[in-house]
Amino acid sequence: MALTFTLDPTVDPVLRDGLLDLWTDVSNAGGAVGFVPPVGREEVRPELVKHLVAMAEGRHRLLVGRDGSGEVAATAFFAFNTHRLMTHWVWLYTVMVHPRHQGKGYGRDLLAAAADAARGFGGIDAIRLTCRGGLGLERFYGSCGYREAGRVPGAIRVAPGDDRDDITMLLPLT
C-alpha cells in the first residue's frame, strides 16, 4: 500500500509523538539522521523541537508520509534560504522512512513527493541535501535524480576512528 503524503500538516501531540518515534526508530536502526545508536526519545526531542520552532517561524516546512493505518512512516523537512542570492533553492533535511517500511519504494515516493512540493513553492529551482558517506546513500539519491555536488572528506565523526564524508547532493527541478 502506498503512503499518503501531506505538506504542512497540523502538528498536534499525535503527530509530534509520531515524528519523535520515527526519528528515534530510524536512528536506532542505523539511519544517518544526526544520531548514532543507541539513542532515546529524550535525546532526539530537542532536535525535533528545533525543527518545529523553525516551522512555526516559517523557516521550515514539513512533508509527512502516513501508512495505511495512519502512522507516520516517512518525513522530510524543507529549509528555506535566507540569503538573498540563494532563495532559488531549498535544503531537504531529516529525510526518513521507518525501518519497517524500507525496501517498499517509499524512499523514492518520499523524494518524488518532496520534489513535487518544492516545485509548488514558486521560484525554487533545486533541492539540496547532505548525506553521510559509507552507507551508499549517495547511490540511492543518485538513482532518484540527485547528483553529487560536493564532498567534505571525514567531516562526520560517527565514532573515534570512524570518520565519514559529508556529501552534498543536488536535484535540479527545472
Protein backbone atom coordinates (compact mmCIF):
# COMPACT_ATOMS: atom_id res chain seq x y z
CA MET A 1 0.00 0.00 0.00
CA ALA A 2 1.32 3.45 -0.90
CA LEU A 3 1.95 6.23 1.56
CA THR A 4 -0.30 9.28 1.75
CA PHE A 5 1.75 12.49 1.82
CA THR A 6 0.72 15.74 3.46
CA LEU A 7 2.62 19.01 3.22
CA ASP A 8 2.38 21.29 6.25
CA PRO A 9 0.17 19.07 8.41
CA THR A 10 -1.17 20.46 11.67
CA VAL A 11 1.27 19.48 14.38
CA ASP A 12 -0.75 18.06 17.21
CA PRO A 13 0.52 15.79 20.02
CA VAL A 14 -0.15 12.65 17.96
CA LEU A 15 1.92 13.89 15.02
CA ARG A 16 4.63 15.25 17.32
CA ASP A 17 4.95 11.88 19.06
CA GLY A 18 4.86 10.07 15.71
CA LEU A 19 7.72 12.23 14.43
CA LEU A 20 9.68 11.61 17.62
CA ASP A 21 9.14 7.84 17.43
CA LEU A 22 10.07 7.77 13.74
CA TRP A 23 13.29 9.72 14.29
CA THR A 24 14.25 7.53 17.25
CA ASP A 25 13.48 4.27 15.44
CA VAL A 26 15.33 5.34 12.27
CA SER A 27 18.34 6.41 14.33
CA ASN A 28 18.42 3.13 16.26
CA ALA A 29 18.23 1.19 13.01
CA GLY A 30 21.42 2.92 11.87
CA GLY A 31 19.81 5.68 9.83
CA ALA A 32 22.03 8.68 9.16
CA VAL A 33 19.75 11.36 10.63
CA GLY A 34 22.01 13.07 13.14
CA PHE A 35 22.41 10.43 15.81
CA VAL A 36 24.37 7.24 16.40
CA PRO A 37 22.57 4.33 18.08
CA PRO A 38 21.57 3.72 20.72
CA VAL A 39 19.51 6.85 21.19
CA GLY A 40 16.38 7.53 23.22
CA ARG A 41 13.39 9.76 22.62
CA GLU A 42 14.66 12.31 25.13
CA GLU A 43 17.91 12.72 23.17
CA VAL A 44 16.02 13.22 19.91
CA ARG A 45 13.33 15.53 21.32
CA PRO A 46 15.46 18.75 21.40
CA GLU A 47 16.31 18.34 17.69
CA LEU A 48 12.66 17.79 16.83
CA VAL A 49 11.73 20.89 18.84
CA LYS A 50 14.24 22.92 16.80
CA HIS A 51 12.54 21.77 13.60
CA LEU A 52 9.08 22.53 14.99
CA VAL A 53 10.15 26.02 16.07
CA ALA A 54 11.59 26.66 12.58
CA MET A 55 8.23 25.56 11.15
CA ALA A 56 6.35 27.94 13.44
CA GLU A 57 8.67 30.74 12.32
CA GLY A 58 8.11 29.90 8.64
CA ARG A 59 11.72 28.82 8.03
CA HIS A 60 10.90 25.11 7.61
CA ARG A 61 8.06 23.12 6.09
CA LEU A 62 7.22 19.51 6.78
CA LEU A 63 6.24 16.71 4.44
CA VAL A 64 4.79 13.66 6.19
CA GLY A 65 4.03 10.26 4.69
CA ARG A 66 1.49 8.11 6.53
CA ASP A 67 0.94 4.41 6.04
CA GLY A 68 -2.44 2.72 5.60
CA SER A 69 -3.06 2.73 9.36
CA GLY A 70 -2.35 6.47 9.60
CA GLU A 71 1.01 6.04 11.33
CA VAL A 72 3.87 8.42 10.49
CA ALA A 73 6.02 6.36 8.15
CA ALA A 74 8.21 8.94 6.37
CA THR A 75 9.23 12.58 6.67
CA ALA A 76 11.30 15.30 5.11
CA PHE A 77 11.79 18.88 6.30
CA PHE A 78 12.35 21.74 3.86
CA ALA A 79 14.54 24.63 4.99
CA PHE A 80 14.43 27.90 3.10
CA ASN A 81 17.48 30.01 2.44
CA THR A 82 17.52 33.48 3.88
CA HIS A 83 20.47 34.70 1.82
CA ARG A 84 19.04 36.85 -0.96
CA LEU A 85 21.25 35.21 -3.61
CA MET A 86 20.23 31.68 -2.65
CA THR A 87 16.47 31.80 -2.32
CA HIS A 88 16.02 29.84 -5.55
CA TRP A 89 16.84 26.51 -3.87
CA VAL A 90 15.81 24.73 -0.65
CA TRP A 91 17.50 22.30 1.71
CA LEU A 92 15.91 18.93 2.43
CA TYR A 93 16.63 17.69 5.97
CA THR A 94 15.83 14.73 8.14
CA VAL A 95 14.71 12.51 5.27
CA MET A 96 13.40 9.35 6.93
CA VAL A 97 11.44 6.20 6.16
CA HIS A 98 10.55 3.94 9.09
CA PRO A 99 12.67 0.76 9.11
CA ARG A 100 9.56 -1.44 8.91
CA HIS A 101 8.71 0.22 5.59
CA GLN A 102 12.14 0.22 3.96
CA GLY A 103 12.51 -1.77 0.77
CA LYS A 104 8.97 -0.93 -0.39
CA GLY A 105 9.89 2.03 -2.59
CA TYR A 106 8.68 4.56 -0.01
CA GLY A 107 12.00 6.41 -0.04
CA ARG A 108 11.62 7.07 -3.76
CA ASP A 109 7.99 8.06 -3.20
CA LEU A 110 9.04 10.48 -0.44
CA LEU A 111 11.67 12.12 -2.64
CA ALA A 112 9.24 12.41 -5.55
CA ALA A 113 6.63 13.99 -3.25
CA ALA A 114 9.30 16.37 -1.92
CA ALA A 115 10.25 17.42 -5.46
CA ASP A 116 6.58 17.99 -6.33
CA ALA A 117 6.10 20.05 -3.17
CA ALA A 118 9.20 22.17 -3.87
CA ARG A 119 8.00 22.88 -7.39
CA GLY A 120 4.80 24.21 -5.85
CA PHE A 121 6.66 26.67 -3.59
CA GLY A 122 7.28 29.01 -6.52
CA GLY A 123 10.70 30.23 -7.58
CA ILE A 124 12.53 27.09 -6.41
CA ASP A 125 14.91 25.66 -9.00
CA ALA A 126 16.62 22.94 -6.98
CA ILE A 127 16.74 20.88 -3.80
CA ARG A 128 19.98 20.32 -1.91
CA LEU A 129 20.59 17.77 0.79
CA THR A 130 23.55 16.26 2.55
CA CYS A 131 24.13 12.64 3.37
CA ARG A 132 26.64 10.62 5.35
CA GLY A 133 29.17 8.66 3.33
CA GLY A 134 29.84 4.99 3.88
CA LEU A 135 26.21 3.89 3.69
CA GLY A 136 25.55 4.01 -0.06
CA LEU A 137 23.12 6.89 0.37
CA GLU A 138 24.67 8.85 -2.48
CA ARG A 139 23.86 5.93 -4.81
CA PHE A 140 20.26 5.89 -3.62
CA TYR A 141 19.84 9.65 -4.03
CA GLY A 142 21.60 9.43 -7.40
CA SER A 143 19.07 6.83 -8.55
CA CYS A 144 16.35 9.35 -7.65
CA GLY A 145 17.81 12.06 -9.89
CA TYR A 146 20.14 13.81 -7.44
CA ARG A 147 23.75 14.37 -8.41
CA GLU A 148 26.75 14.79 -6.17
CA ALA A 149 27.66 18.46 -5.92
CA GLY A 150 30.35 18.32 -3.25
CA ARG A 151 32.09 16.20 -0.67
CA VAL A 152 33.98 17.02 2.51
CA PRO A 153 36.14 14.01 3.41
CA GLY A 154 35.93 12.88 7.02
CA ALA A 155 33.62 15.71 8.10
CA ILE A 156 31.27 13.47 10.10
CA ARG A 157 32.72 11.68 13.12
CA VAL A 158 30.43 8.74 13.84
CA ALA A 159 32.82 7.33 16.46
CA PRO A 160 36.52 7.64 17.28
CA GLY A 161 38.36 6.35 14.22
CA ASP A 162 35.17 6.28 12.12
CA ASP A 163 35.01 9.48 10.09
CA ARG A 164 32.63 9.70 7.14
CA ASP A 165 32.36 12.05 4.20
CA ASP A 166 29.70 14.74 4.21
CA ILE A 167 28.20 14.57 0.72
CA THR A 168 26.09 17.33 -0.82
CA MET A 169 23.55 16.20 -3.40
CA LEU A 170 21.54 18.41 -5.76
CA LEU A 171 18.28 17.81 -7.60
CA PRO A 172 17.55 20.37 -10.32
CA LEU A 173 13.81 20.94 -10.60
CA THR A 174 13.79 22.78 -13.90
